[in-house]
Amino acid sequence: MEPPPRKRGRPLKHPKAAPSDSLKSRVASDLNEYNSLSPSTPVPVDLADPAVSPVDPRSGQRGRKKPVAEKVEGLAPITPDGGGGSSSDRELSKSVGDDSELPAEGVARKRNKKSSLGNADDIKGHAPSLEDATGGRDDDLKDAPFMDAVVKVFCVHTEPNFSLPWQRKRQFSSNSSGFIIKGRRVLTNAHSVEHHTQVKVKKRGSDTKYLATVLAIGTECDIAMLTVSNDEFWEDVTPVNFGSLPRLQDGVTVVGYPIGGDTISVTSGVVSRIEVTSYVHGATELLGVQIDAAINAGNSGGPAFNDRGECVGIAFQSLKHEDAENIGYVIPTPVIDHFITDYVRNNDYTGFPILGIEWQKMENPDLRKALGMKSTQKGVRIRRVEPTAPAFAQLRASDILMSFDGIDIANDGTVPFRHGERIGFSYLVSKKYSGECAKVKILRDGKSKEFDIDLVNHKRLVPAHIKGKPPSYYILAGIVFAAISVPYLRSEYGKDYDYDAPVKLLDKLLHSMSQSEDEQLVVVSQVLVADINIGYEDIVNTQVGDRSTRVQKEFLCWSGGVNGWQCCGFQ
């Protein structure tokens, strides 16, 4: 007599089997016992096991507990894989529905397999005890040595108050990352210690914060160098070794202390792109490496390692856009080496030099023909030359820059980089040091000429940074005159200053060049009300200055104005 169809998970409802049905009764008995380990029943684990979270028997879930979302703005909660439990549990749960069609031998084998999973001691590593996780396998669980060289940086900042330049703003704190290099030095990002009042560093696994001294800040390359005078900090630490510039698709691991927790964090990715990149903090363009590893707030200054444990970059910025995901940038080793070498040579940071020209591409064939270029000649057209640059005495507008230090420049401004890659020729300039000389080849009036040009730092009419110095200001009769800089514009008009600031100031910022080394762009920041300045109370952030009225080391001001602008000379 055949038993009626049964529902999965319920006991069989049929009369006692006849002797001829003994095989079927054994199969049914096995299935009943096997189904008692259904997905709704938690697999027994050792509650002392730190690797597997204990499960509430009322929850009906198995394996690891569902992670709790970080209560940090901007972070999405972590969603566990569907089904819960370990992969072996899910595999077995998936096969339970097919047991009724298996022969008795198959059911027995599955029963033995399931029973073995219930005993953690029978499977090596499935549910290790606390003793095994902490004492029995220290060598296996020990991280790579370079992990201990990554430190957490604590900085207290006190920014200048550009509205009241004789004061400073309320101090605030920030956390970032850094790492130890040879020579008892620590590297981090420049923006991590900008306007610092106090800097402390803490090693991984330590509960002590050590006072650090800032040795150099490279605003252009966004790198800062620190040191610690306490000898205890340098004990049992292996400095990080630098590797070469990575290649595309090379694996990288970013280590640091980002938001979302207090302990060290590791994210992995690959190299996506290598090119001349805009450095947001430094307002410059230097060589950069784009990766797809997550870089969040707090990762700044942390190292990026290759598969051999060598540092190949410093995390410093990421792209936040609705159409982009997982785009981060690291400062590559050539830029880091330039910063360190510059400090060693000069005992200070002197910066990255520039050629001092504005140029345009020569991809238009008619333009090349009009400027006398042959079909075999390539280069870029010089539009303007910085008056404060040494090249001003040798180069002219409409010259064709054909090569730099013997390397030919293409019509689009690129030079050979590596196999199958090209890069902007400004990369060649950035490899130089301030005060060095470069040989350039130009085409002028159809004739080739060569010049040796000294390379110097960029002198901007509107500086991108005040480099830790207090703001420059002058008060006369209650009228506050202030020198314009990018931090000043950001303080007065917000982060969108390049849209909200007056057009005349933006024109100076984007297109004007300094005519002398000490020239400044000045505005009337505000008027401190007094009897002597009655009628001028409403003047705020009004540009003053006219190059035709400039007098060296003097300040001239008169009440007459042109189109509502106060005419002054200030230098």
Protein backbone atom coordinates (compact mmCIF):
# COMPACT_ATOMS: atom_id res chain seq x y z
CA MET A 1 0.00 0.00 0.00
CA GLU A 2 1.51 3.30 -1.13
CA PRO A 3 1.50 6.14 1.41
CA PRO A 4 -0.40 9.30 0.37
CA PRO A 5 1.63 12.35 -0.76
CA ARG A 6 3.03 14.28 2.14
CA LYS A 7 3.90 17.91 2.70
CA ARG A 8 7.55 18.81 3.16
CA GLY A 9 8.62 19.11 6.77
CA ARG A 10 5.63 17.23 8.25
CA PRO A 11 5.63 13.62 9.59
CA LEU A 12 4.17 10.94 7.36
CA LYS A 13 0.51 10.16 7.94
CA HIS A 14 -0.03 6.54 6.97
CA PRO A 15 -0.60 3.22 8.75
CA LYS A 16 2.24 1.10 9.99
CA ALA A 17 4.17 -0.28 7.04
CA ALA A 18 3.93 -3.93 6.13
CA PRO A 19 7.09 -6.07 6.16
CA SER A 20 7.28 -5.78 2.37
CA ASP A 21 7.50 -1.94 2.73
CA SER A 22 10.45 -1.99 5.14
CA LEU A 23 12.76 -0.20 2.64
CA LYS A 24 10.23 2.56 2.08
CA SER A 25 9.68 2.99 5.80
CA ARG A 26 13.43 3.35 6.38
CA VAL A 27 13.62 5.99 3.66
CA ALA A 28 10.68 7.86 5.15
CA SER A 29 12.26 7.67 8.61
CA ASP A 30 15.52 9.03 7.25
CA LEU A 31 13.71 11.86 5.49
CA ASN A 32 11.81 12.80 8.64
CA GLU A 33 15.03 13.01 10.62
CA TYR A 34 16.77 14.90 7.81
CA ASN A 35 13.94 17.41 7.43
CA SER A 36 14.25 18.26 11.10
CA LEU A 37 17.32 20.25 10.03
CA SER A 38 15.30 22.55 7.77
CA PRO A 39 16.34 26.19 7.06
CA SER A 40 14.20 27.37 9.96
CA THR A 41 16.38 25.46 12.46
CA PRO A 42 19.67 27.15 13.45
CA VAL A 43 22.85 25.14 13.07
CA PRO A 44 24.43 24.68 16.50
CA VAL A 45 27.66 26.66 16.92
CA ASP A 46 30.04 27.34 19.76
CA LEU A 47 28.97 30.64 21.35
CA ALA A 48 32.59 31.35 22.24
CA ASP A 49 33.43 31.46 18.55
CA PRO A 50 34.31 35.10 17.74
CA ALA A 51 34.05 34.57 14.00
CA VAL A 52 30.39 33.58 14.01
CA SER A 53 27.81 35.69 15.80
CA PRO A 54 25.38 33.83 18.13
CA VAL A 55 21.83 33.50 16.83
CA ASP A 56 18.61 34.16 18.70
CA PRO A 57 16.54 30.95 18.41
CA ARG A 58 13.41 33.06 18.02
CA SER A 59 14.76 34.84 14.96
CA GLY A 60 14.65 31.85 12.64
CA GLN A 61 17.99 32.89 11.10
CA ARG A 62 21.25 31.00 10.92
CA GLY A 63 24.92 31.80 10.56
CA ARG A 64 26.11 35.40 10.92
CA LYS A 65 23.81 38.06 12.32
CA LYS A 66 22.53 40.67 9.94
CA PRO A 67 24.96 43.58 10.10
CA VAL A 68 23.69 46.88 11.48
CA ALA A 69 23.96 49.84 9.12
CA GLU A 70 26.50 52.47 10.10
CA LYS A 71 24.74 55.59 11.37
CA VAL A 72 26.96 57.87 9.32
CA GLU A 73 25.51 60.23 6.76
CA GLY A 74 26.41 59.23 3.24
CA LEU A 75 27.07 55.56 3.98
CA ALA A 76 24.65 52.95 2.69
CA PRO A 77 23.73 50.03 4.96
CA ILE A 78 25.40 46.72 4.24
CA THR A 79 22.97 44.24 2.77
CA PRO A 80 23.71 40.55 3.50
CA ASP A 81 23.40 37.89 0.89
CA GLY A 82 19.96 36.32 0.54
CA GLY A 83 19.15 33.16 2.46
CA GLY A 84 21.35 33.68 5.49
CA GLY A 85 23.71 31.14 6.96
CA SER A 86 26.97 29.88 5.54
CA SER A 87 27.43 28.83 1.93
CA SER A 88 27.44 25.16 2.90
CA ASP A 89 24.16 25.60 4.80
CA ARG A 90 22.53 27.28 1.79
CA GLU A 91 23.75 24.51 -0.50
CA LEU A 92 22.24 21.85 1.72
CA SER A 93 18.98 23.76 2.18
CA LYS A 94 18.59 24.05 -1.56
CA SER A 95 18.85 20.26 -2.00
CA VAL A 96 16.33 19.28 0.67
CA GLY A 97 13.33 19.47 -1.67
CA ASP A 98 14.74 16.77 -3.94
CA ASP A 99 15.35 14.13 -1.24
CA SER A 100 12.11 12.24 -1.86
CA GLU A 101 13.31 11.19 -5.29
CA LEU A 102 16.72 9.98 -4.16
CA PRO A 103 17.52 6.34 -3.37
CA ALA A 104 18.11 5.36 0.21
CA GLU A 105 21.87 5.29 -0.22
CA GLY A 106 21.87 8.95 -1.40
CA VAL A 107 19.72 9.99 1.51
CA ALA A 108 22.05 8.26 3.92
CA ARG A 109 25.06 10.00 2.44
CA LYS A 110 23.34 13.39 2.69
CA ARG A 111 22.34 12.59 6.25
CA ASN A 112 25.95 11.81 7.15
CA LYS A 113 27.10 15.02 5.45
CA LYS A 114 24.53 17.11 7.31
CA SER A 115 25.38 15.47 10.62
CA SER A 116 29.04 16.25 10.14
CA LEU A 117 28.20 19.94 9.72
CA GLY A 118 26.52 19.94 13.08
CA ASN A 119 29.83 19.06 14.75
CA ALA A 120 32.24 21.98 14.47
CA ASP A 121 35.17 19.90 15.70
CA ASP A 122 34.93 17.61 12.67
CA ILE A 123 35.58 20.39 10.16
CA LYS A 124 38.82 22.28 10.44
CA GLY A 125 38.26 26.02 10.48
CA HIS A 126 34.44 25.86 10.24
CA ALA A 127 33.83 27.09 13.76
CA PRO A 128 37.20 27.68 15.46
CA SER A 129 37.24 28.14 19.18
CA LEU A 130 38.44 31.30 20.87
CA GLU A 131 41.68 29.58 21.80
CA ASP A 132 42.39 28.70 18.17
CA ALA A 133 41.61 32.24 17.00
CA THR A 134 43.89 34.00 19.45
CA GLY A 135 46.54 31.65 20.69
CA GLY A 136 46.99 28.65 18.47
CA ARG A 137 47.53 30.31 15.09
CA ASP A 138 49.21 33.68 15.68
CA ASP A 139 51.50 33.27 12.70
CA ASP A 140 48.61 32.62 10.32
CA LEU A 141 46.55 35.59 11.51
CA LYS A 142 49.36 38.13 11.67
CA ASP A 143 49.01 40.94 9.11
CA ALA A 144 51.71 42.06 6.72
CA PRO A 145 54.43 44.20 8.38
CA PHE A 146 53.60 47.28 6.32
CA MET A 147 50.18 47.48 8.01
CA ASP A 148 51.85 48.49 11.28
CA ALA A 149 53.47 51.48 9.53
CA VAL A 150 50.07 53.09 8.89
CA VAL A 151 49.17 55.67 11.56
CA LYS A 152 46.15 57.75 12.43
CA VAL A 153 46.65 61.53 12.33
CA PHE A 154 44.78 63.83 14.71
CA CYS A 155 44.93 67.53 13.87
CA VAL A 156 43.50 70.66 15.47
CA HIS A 157 43.00 73.43 12.89
CA THR A 158 42.59 77.15 13.42
CA GLU A 159 41.72 78.83 10.14
CA PRO A 160 42.16 82.55 9.50
CA ASN A 161 39.09 84.77 9.55
CA PHE A 162 39.23 86.59 6.24
CA SER A 163 36.31 88.85 7.15
CA LEU A 164 38.19 89.96 10.27
CA PRO A 165 41.78 89.19 9.22
CA TRP A 166 43.25 90.22 12.57
CA GLN A 167 41.41 87.31 14.18
CA ARG A 168 41.13 83.55 13.72
CA LYS A 169 38.08 81.29 13.58
CA ARG A 170 37.04 78.79 16.21
CA GLN A 171 39.31 75.77 16.18
CA PHE A 172 38.11 72.36 14.99
CA SER A 173 39.51 68.84 14.84
CA SER A 174 39.93 66.29 12.07
CA ASN A 175 41.18 62.73 11.66
CA SER A 176 43.13 61.39 8.71
CA SER A 177 45.75 58.78 7.86
CA GLY A 178 49.50 58.68 7.35
CA PHE A 179 52.39 56.24 7.17
CA ILE A 180 55.96 55.94 8.39
CA ILE A 181 58.91 56.17 5.98
CA LYS A 182 62.64 56.00 6.41
CA GLY A 183 64.49 58.73 8.29
CA ARG A 184 61.96 58.90 11.17
CA ARG A 185 59.44 60.68 9.00
CA VAL A 186 55.67 60.41 8.53
CA LEU A 187 53.87 61.33 5.31
CA THR A 188 50.26 62.49 5.08
CA ASN A 189 48.21 64.93 2.98
CA ALA A 190 48.80 68.67 3.10
CA HIS A 191 45.10 69.39 3.51
CA SER A 192 45.08 67.08 6.56
CA VAL A 193 47.32 69.48 8.51
CA GLU A 194 46.45 72.80 6.86
CA HIS A 195 46.32 75.69 9.37
CA HIS A 196 47.38 73.25 12.06
CA THR A 197 47.63 74.24 15.71
CA GLN A 198 48.46 70.80 17.06
CA VAL A 199 49.15 67.48 15.34
CA LYS A 200 49.20 64.05 17.00
CA VAL A 201 49.73 60.58 15.57
CA LYS A 202 48.82 57.16 16.90
CA LYS A 203 50.18 53.81 15.80
CA ARG A 204 48.02 50.84 15.05
CA GLY A 205 47.19 48.87 18.17
CA SER A 206 48.49 51.61 20.46
CA ASP A 207 46.53 53.69 22.95
CA THR A 208 49.03 56.55 23.01
CA LYS A 209 48.94 59.68 20.88
CA TYR A 210 52.31 61.27 20.19
CA LEU A 211 52.87 64.94 19.45
CA ALA A 212 54.15 65.49 15.92
CA THR A 213 56.02 68.36 14.30
CA VAL A 214 55.22 69.48 10.77
CA LEU A 215 58.46 69.67 8.78
CA ALA A 216 57.16 70.63 5.35
CA ILE A 217 53.85 71.19 3.58
CA GLY A 218 53.64 70.85 -0.20
CA THR A 219 50.47 72.64 -1.24
CA GLU A 220 50.84 71.89 -4.95
CA CYS A 221 51.30 68.14 -4.52
CA ASP A 222 49.10 67.87 -1.39
CA ILE A 223 51.78 66.12 0.70
CA ALA A 224 53.00 66.97 4.19
CA MET A 225 55.95 65.58 6.15
CA LEU A 226 55.86 65.08 9.91
CA THR A 227 58.23 63.81 12.57
CA VAL A 228 57.90 62.69 16.20
CA SER A 229 60.54 63.52 18.80
CA ASN A 230 59.52 60.74 21.19
CA ASP A 231 61.80 57.72 20.60
CA GLU A 232 59.12 55.35 21.88
CA PHE A 233 57.03 56.03 18.79
CA TRP A 234 59.69 54.58 16.47
CA GLU A 235 60.14 51.31 18.35
CA ASP A 236 59.16 48.07 16.58
CA VAL A 237 58.13 49.85 13.37
CA THR A 238 59.19 48.87 9.86
CA PRO A 239 59.19 51.87 7.48
CA VAL A 240 57.26 51.59 4.25
CA ASN A 241 59.21 50.90 1.05
CA PHE A 242 58.23 52.64 -2.17
CA GLY A 243 57.57 50.81 -5.41
CA SER A 244 57.60 51.94 -9.01
CA LEU A 245 54.74 53.54 -10.90
CA PRO A 246 52.05 50.86 -11.33
CA ARG A 247 50.57 49.81 -14.64
CA LEU A 248 46.98 49.57 -15.73
CA GLN A 249 44.99 46.77 -14.08
CA ASP A 250 47.60 46.32 -11.35
CA GLY A 251 45.98 45.53 -8.01
CA VAL A 252 46.21 48.16 -5.25
CA THR A 253 45.18 48.11 -1.60
CA VAL A 254 44.34 51.38 0.18
CA VAL A 255 44.90 51.33 3.94
CA GLY A 256 43.77 54.03 6.33
CA TYR A 257 41.28 55.21 8.94
CA PRO A 258 38.17 56.40 7.09
CA ILE A 259 34.79 57.28 8.56
CA GLY A 260 32.59 54.45 9.72
CA GLY A 261 34.83 53.14 12.50
CA ASP A 262 37.91 53.71 14.62
CA THR A 263 40.11 50.80 13.56
CA ILE A 264 42.20 50.41 10.44
CA SER A 265 40.37 49.85 7.15
CA VAL A 266 41.47 48.11 3.97
CA THR A 267 39.90 48.51 0.52
CA SER A 268 41.12 46.95 -2.71
CA GLY A 269 40.89 47.81 -6.39
CA VAL A 270 42.87 48.10 -9.58
CA VAL A 271 44.62 50.90 -11.43
CA SER A 272 42.14 52.36 -13.90
CA ARG A 273 44.02 55.30 -15.43
CA ILE A 274 47.33 57.15 -15.26
CA GLU A 275 47.52 60.72 -16.55
CA VAL A 276 48.14 64.33 -15.59
CA THR A 277 45.40 65.03 -13.04
CA SER A 278 43.98 68.16 -11.48
CA TYR A 279 44.94 68.37 -7.80
CA VAL A 280 42.00 70.07 -6.11
CA HIS A 281 43.86 71.24 -3.01
CA GLY A 282 46.91 72.49 -4.84
CA ALA A 283 45.07 73.97 -7.85
CA THR A 284 47.75 72.38 -10.05
CA GLU A 285 48.05 69.57 -12.56
CA LEU A 286 50.48 66.78 -11.76
CA LEU A 287 50.76 63.08 -12.49
CA GLY A 288 47.97 61.11 -10.84
CA VAL A 289 46.74 57.51 -10.64
CA GLN A 290 43.03 56.71 -10.77
CA ILE A 291 41.84 53.59 -8.97
CA ASP A 292 38.46 51.99 -8.34
CA ALA A 293 39.03 51.29 -4.64
CA ALA A 294 36.82 53.21 -2.23
CA ILE A 295 38.44 56.38 -0.85
CA ASN A 296 36.37 58.11 1.83
CA ALA A 297 36.84 60.93 4.29
CA GLY A 298 39.63 59.90 6.65
CA ASN A 299 41.49 57.89 4.00
CA SER A 300 43.41 61.05 3.10
CA GLY A 301 47.12 60.50 3.57
CA GLY A 302 46.86 56.73 3.73
CA PRO A 303 49.18 54.60 1.56
CA ALA A 304 48.19 52.50 -1.44
CA PHE A 305 50.14 49.23 -1.65
CA ASN A 306 50.75 46.89 -4.55
CA ASP A 307 50.71 43.09 -4.38
CA ARG A 308 54.32 43.06 -3.10
CA GLY A 309 53.56 45.31 -0.14
CA GLU A 310 55.29 48.36 -1.67
CA CYS A 311 53.74 51.80 -1.45
CA VAL A 312 52.75 53.06 -4.90
CA GLY A 313 50.80 56.14 -3.89
CA ILE A 314 49.00 58.27 -1.30
CA ALA A 315 45.21 58.52 -1.26
CA PHE A 316 44.17 62.16 -1.50
CA GLN A 317 40.90 62.76 -3.36
CA SER A 318 37.89 61.09 -4.96
CA LEU A 319 35.33 62.04 -7.58
CA LYS A 320 31.81 62.53 -6.22
CA HIS A 321 29.34 62.70 -9.07
CA GLU A 322 25.95 61.21 -9.77
CA ASP A 323 27.27 59.60 -12.95
CA ALA A 324 30.46 58.19 -11.38
CA GLU A 325 31.12 55.45 -8.85
CA ASN A 326 34.28 54.30 -7.08
CA ILE A 327 36.63 56.80 -8.69
CA GLY A 328 39.51 57.59 -6.37
CA TYR A 329 42.92 59.14 -6.92
CA VAL A 330 46.33 58.53 -5.38
CA ILE A 331 49.52 60.55 -5.59
CA PRO A 332 52.02 58.35 -7.45
CA THR A 333 55.57 57.64 -6.37
CA PRO A 334 57.26 60.03 -8.88
CA VAL A 335 55.46 62.97 -7.24
CA ILE A 336 56.21 61.64 -3.75
CA ASP A 337 59.88 61.19 -4.62
CA HIS A 338 60.02 64.75 -5.99
CA PHE A 339 58.61 66.10 -2.72
CA ILE A 340 61.04 64.14 -0.53
CA THR A 341 64.07 64.95 -2.70
CA ASP A 342 63.15 68.64 -2.72
CA TYR A 343 63.03 68.65 1.08
CA VAL A 344 66.34 66.81 1.40
CA ARG A 345 68.09 69.20 -1.00
CA ASN A 346 66.79 72.46 0.45
CA ASN A 347 65.76 71.48 3.99
CA ASP A 348 62.37 72.84 2.99
CA TYR A 349 59.73 72.48 0.32
CA THR A 350 60.29 74.80 -2.66
CA GLY A 351 57.59 73.49 -5.00
CA PHE A 352 57.13 72.33 -8.57
CA PRO A 353 58.41 74.69 -11.29
CA ILE A 354 56.58 75.82 -14.41
CA LEU A 355 57.65 76.86 -17.88
CA GLY A 356 55.52 79.98 -17.62
CA ILE A 357 53.49 79.81 -20.84
CA GLU A 358 49.92 79.39 -22.04
CA TRP A 359 49.60 77.22 -25.14
CA GLN A 360 47.05 75.87 -27.58
CA LYS A 361 46.85 72.72 -29.68
CA MET A 362 47.90 72.73 -33.32
CA GLU A 363 45.61 70.02 -34.65
CA ASN A 364 44.11 72.29 -37.31
CA PRO A 365 46.03 71.84 -40.61
CA ASP A 366 45.22 75.35 -41.82
CA LEU A 367 46.57 76.86 -38.60
CA ARG A 368 49.78 74.88 -38.93
CA LYS A 369 50.17 76.06 -42.51
CA ALA A 370 49.54 79.69 -41.55
CA LEU A 371 52.32 79.54 -38.94
CA GLY A 372 54.81 78.07 -41.39
CA MET A 373 54.90 74.50 -40.10
CA LYS A 374 55.91 71.70 -42.43
CA SER A 375 53.99 68.46 -42.63
CA THR A 376 56.68 66.69 -40.61
CA GLN A 377 56.83 69.30 -37.87
CA LYS A 378 54.71 69.08 -34.74
CA GLY A 379 54.24 71.17 -31.63
CA VAL A 380 51.95 73.57 -29.76
CA ARG A 381 51.48 77.31 -30.18
CA ILE A 382 52.49 79.64 -27.35
CA ARG A 383 49.64 82.05 -26.63
CA ARG A 384 51.12 84.06 -23.74
CA VAL A 385 54.23 84.09 -21.60
CA GLU A 386 54.18 84.90 -17.88
CA PRO A 387 55.85 88.32 -17.38
CA THR A 388 57.41 87.08 -14.12
CA ALA A 389 58.85 83.89 -15.70
CA PRO A 390 62.43 83.73 -17.06
CA ALA A 391 60.99 82.47 -20.35
CA PHE A 392 59.50 85.93 -20.94
CA ALA A 393 62.89 87.18 -22.15
CA GLN A 394 63.26 84.39 -24.75
CA LEU A 395 59.86 83.14 -25.87
CA ARG A 396 57.16 85.06 -27.72
CA ALA A 397 53.52 84.68 -28.54
CA SER A 398 52.88 82.50 -31.65
CA ASP A 399 56.15 80.60 -31.23
CA ILE A 400 55.73 76.87 -31.82
CA LEU A 401 57.08 74.78 -28.95
CA MET A 402 58.39 71.64 -30.66
CA SER A 403 60.35 69.81 -27.96
CA PHE A 404 61.25 69.91 -24.28
CA ASP A 405 64.59 68.47 -23.14
CA GLY A 406 64.95 66.64 -26.46
CA ILE A 407 61.50 64.98 -26.33
CA ASP A 408 59.23 65.88 -29.24
CA ILE A 409 55.82 67.36 -28.43
CA ALA A 410 52.83 66.31 -30.54
CA ASN A 411 50.21 68.67 -31.95
CA ASP A 412 47.87 67.81 -29.09
CA GLY A 413 50.50 68.63 -26.45
CA THR A 414 51.35 65.04 -25.48
CA VAL A 415 54.64 63.17 -25.33
CA PRO A 416 55.43 59.41 -25.28
CA PHE A 417 55.01 57.98 -21.79
CA ARG A 418 55.10 54.19 -21.73
CA HIS A 419 54.28 51.47 -24.22
CA GLY A 420 50.96 52.37 -25.76
CA GLU A 421 50.53 55.47 -23.59
CA ARG A 422 50.95 59.23 -24.03
CA ILE A 423 50.81 62.00 -21.46
CA GLY A 424 50.74 65.80 -21.38
CA PHE A 425 54.16 67.41 -21.76
CA SER A 426 53.64 69.31 -18.50
CA TYR A 427 54.64 66.01 -16.89
CA LEU A 428 58.19 66.61 -18.17
CA VAL A 429 58.21 70.08 -16.59
CA SER A 430 56.96 68.73 -13.25
CA LYS A 431 59.89 66.30 -13.07
CA LYS A 432 62.26 69.27 -12.83
CA TYR A 433 63.19 71.15 -9.66
CA SER A 434 63.00 74.88 -9.05
CA GLY A 435 66.08 76.63 -10.40
CA GLU A 436 66.98 73.92 -12.91
CA CYS A 437 67.41 74.60 -16.60
CA ALA A 438 65.56 73.03 -19.53
CA LYS A 439 66.39 73.01 -23.24
CA VAL A 440 63.45 73.89 -25.47
CA LYS A 441 63.18 73.92 -29.25
CA ILE A 442 60.81 76.35 -30.95
CA LEU A 443 59.77 77.32 -34.47
CA ARG A 444 59.71 81.09 -35.10
CA ASP A 445 59.06 82.59 -38.53
CA GLY A 446 59.71 79.20 -40.14
CA LYS A 447 63.12 78.78 -38.44
CA SER A 448 64.04 76.44 -35.62
CA LYS A 449 65.69 77.88 -32.52
CA GLU A 450 66.84 76.40 -29.20
CA PHE A 451 66.95 78.10 -25.80
CA ASP A 452 68.07 77.16 -22.30
CA ILE A 453 65.34 78.36 -19.97
CA ASP A 454 65.41 78.50 -16.17
CA LEU A 455 62.38 77.03 -14.43
CA VAL A 456 60.84 78.79 -11.43
CA ASN A 457 57.75 78.50 -9.25
CA HIS A 458 54.46 79.90 -10.42
CA LYS A 459 53.66 83.45 -9.29
CA ARG A 460 49.89 83.88 -9.44
CA LEU A 461 48.12 87.21 -9.33
CA VAL A 462 45.45 85.51 -7.18
CA PRO A 463 47.29 82.92 -5.03
CA ALA A 464 45.69 79.53 -4.56
CA HIS A 465 47.02 79.37 -0.96
CA ILE A 466 48.42 81.65 1.69
CA LYS A 467 50.70 78.79 2.82
CA GLY A 468 50.04 79.07 6.53
CA LYS A 469 50.69 82.80 6.73
CA PRO A 470 48.12 85.22 8.17
CA PRO A 471 46.05 87.15 5.60
CA SER A 472 47.48 90.38 4.27
CA TYR A 473 45.38 93.46 5.13
CA TYR A 474 45.62 97.20 5.72
CA ILE A 475 43.27 99.55 7.60
CA LEU A 476 43.05 103.23 6.73
CA ALA A 477 40.39 105.50 8.21
CA GLY A 478 38.32 102.46 9.13
CA ILE A 479 38.45 101.09 5.56
CA VAL A 480 39.75 97.52 5.55
CA PHE A 481 41.82 96.65 2.48
CA ALA A 482 42.56 92.95 1.91
CA ALA A 483 44.61 91.01 -0.64
CA ILE A 484 42.56 88.62 -2.77
CA SER A 485 43.34 84.90 -2.70
CA VAL A 486 41.37 81.75 -3.43
CA PRO A 487 40.81 81.08 0.33
CA TYR A 488 39.48 84.62 0.64
CA LEU A 489 37.00 84.09 -2.20
CA ARG A 490 35.93 80.76 -0.74
CA SER A 491 35.41 82.37 2.67
CA GLU A 492 33.35 85.24 1.29
CA TYR A 493 31.34 83.48 -1.44
CA GLY A 494 31.32 79.82 -0.37
CA LYS A 495 32.51 76.71 -2.17
CA ASP A 496 30.84 77.89 -5.40
CA TYR A 497 32.89 81.08 -5.44
CA ASP A 498 33.78 80.50 -9.08
CA TYR A 499 30.09 81.15 -9.87
CA ASP A 500 29.02 83.59 -7.15
CA ALA A 501 32.01 85.95 -6.99
CA PRO A 502 31.94 89.17 -9.04
CA VAL A 503 32.84 88.68 -12.69
CA LYS A 504 35.71 91.17 -12.54
CA LEU A 505 37.33 89.23 -9.70
CA LEU A 506 36.87 85.94 -11.54
CA ASP A 507 38.42 87.44 -14.66
CA LYS A 508 41.49 88.36 -12.64
CA LEU A 509 41.57 84.90 -11.11
CA LEU A 510 41.31 82.98 -14.36
CA HIS A 511 43.03 85.14 -16.96
CA SER A 512 45.25 87.83 -15.46
CA MET A 513 48.99 87.44 -14.94
CA SER A 514 51.26 89.15 -12.44
CA GLN A 515 53.34 91.94 -13.92
CA SER A 516 55.82 91.94 -11.02
CA GLU A 517 56.90 89.64 -8.22
CA ASP A 518 55.16 91.58 -5.42
CA GLU A 519 51.94 92.58 -7.16
CA GLN A 520 48.67 91.92 -5.31
CA LEU A 521 45.00 92.26 -6.18
CA VAL A 522 43.25 94.30 -3.49
CA VAL A 523 39.62 94.84 -2.48
CA VAL A 524 37.85 96.93 0.13
CA SER A 525 36.78 94.08 2.36
CA GLN A 526 34.52 96.19 4.60
CA VAL A 527 34.25 99.59 6.26
CA LEU A 528 34.45 99.89 10.04
CA VAL A 529 31.96 102.63 10.81
CA ALA A 530 33.49 105.86 12.11
CA ASP A 531 32.89 109.58 11.79
CA ILE A 532 35.65 109.90 9.23
CA ASN A 533 34.11 107.44 6.75
CA ILE A 534 30.46 108.52 6.84
CA GLY A 535 28.83 107.64 3.53
CA TYR A 536 31.13 104.69 2.77
CA GLU A 537 29.53 102.14 5.11
CA ASP A 538 28.01 100.04 2.33
CA ILE A 539 31.23 99.25 0.48
CA VAL A 540 31.88 95.50 0.71
CA ASN A 541 34.31 93.39 -1.36
CA THR A 542 34.78 96.14 -3.90
CA GLN A 543 37.79 95.77 -6.12
CA VAL A 544 40.36 98.53 -6.04
CA GLY A 545 43.51 98.96 -8.02
CA ASP A 546 44.59 100.16 -11.40
CA ARG A 547 47.93 99.15 -12.80
CA SER A 548 48.36 102.58 -14.36
CA THR A 549 48.21 104.19 -10.90
CA ARG A 550 50.49 101.75 -9.09
CA VAL A 551 53.32 103.27 -7.08
CA GLN A 552 56.04 101.10 -5.56
CA LYS A 553 55.75 100.66 -1.78
CA GLU A 554 53.09 103.37 -1.54
CA PHE A 555 49.34 103.42 -1.16
CA LEU A 556 47.28 105.99 -3.04
CA CYS A 557 43.55 106.37 -2.70
CA TRP A 558 41.16 109.06 -3.79
CA SER A 559 37.42 109.33 -3.60
CA GLY A 560 36.88 109.65 -7.34
CA GLY A 561 35.79 106.45 -9.05
CA VAL A 562 35.11 104.95 -12.43
CA ASN A 563 31.83 103.05 -12.87
CA GLY A 564 31.38 102.86 -9.12
CA TRP A 565 34.84 101.33 -8.51
CA GLN A 566 37.20 102.92 -6.05
CA CYS A 567 40.49 103.63 -7.82
CA CYS A 568 43.52 102.77 -5.75
CA GLY A 569 47.06 101.63 -6.22
CA PHE A 570 48.40 99.05 -3.79
CA GLN A 571 51.65 97.15 -3.94
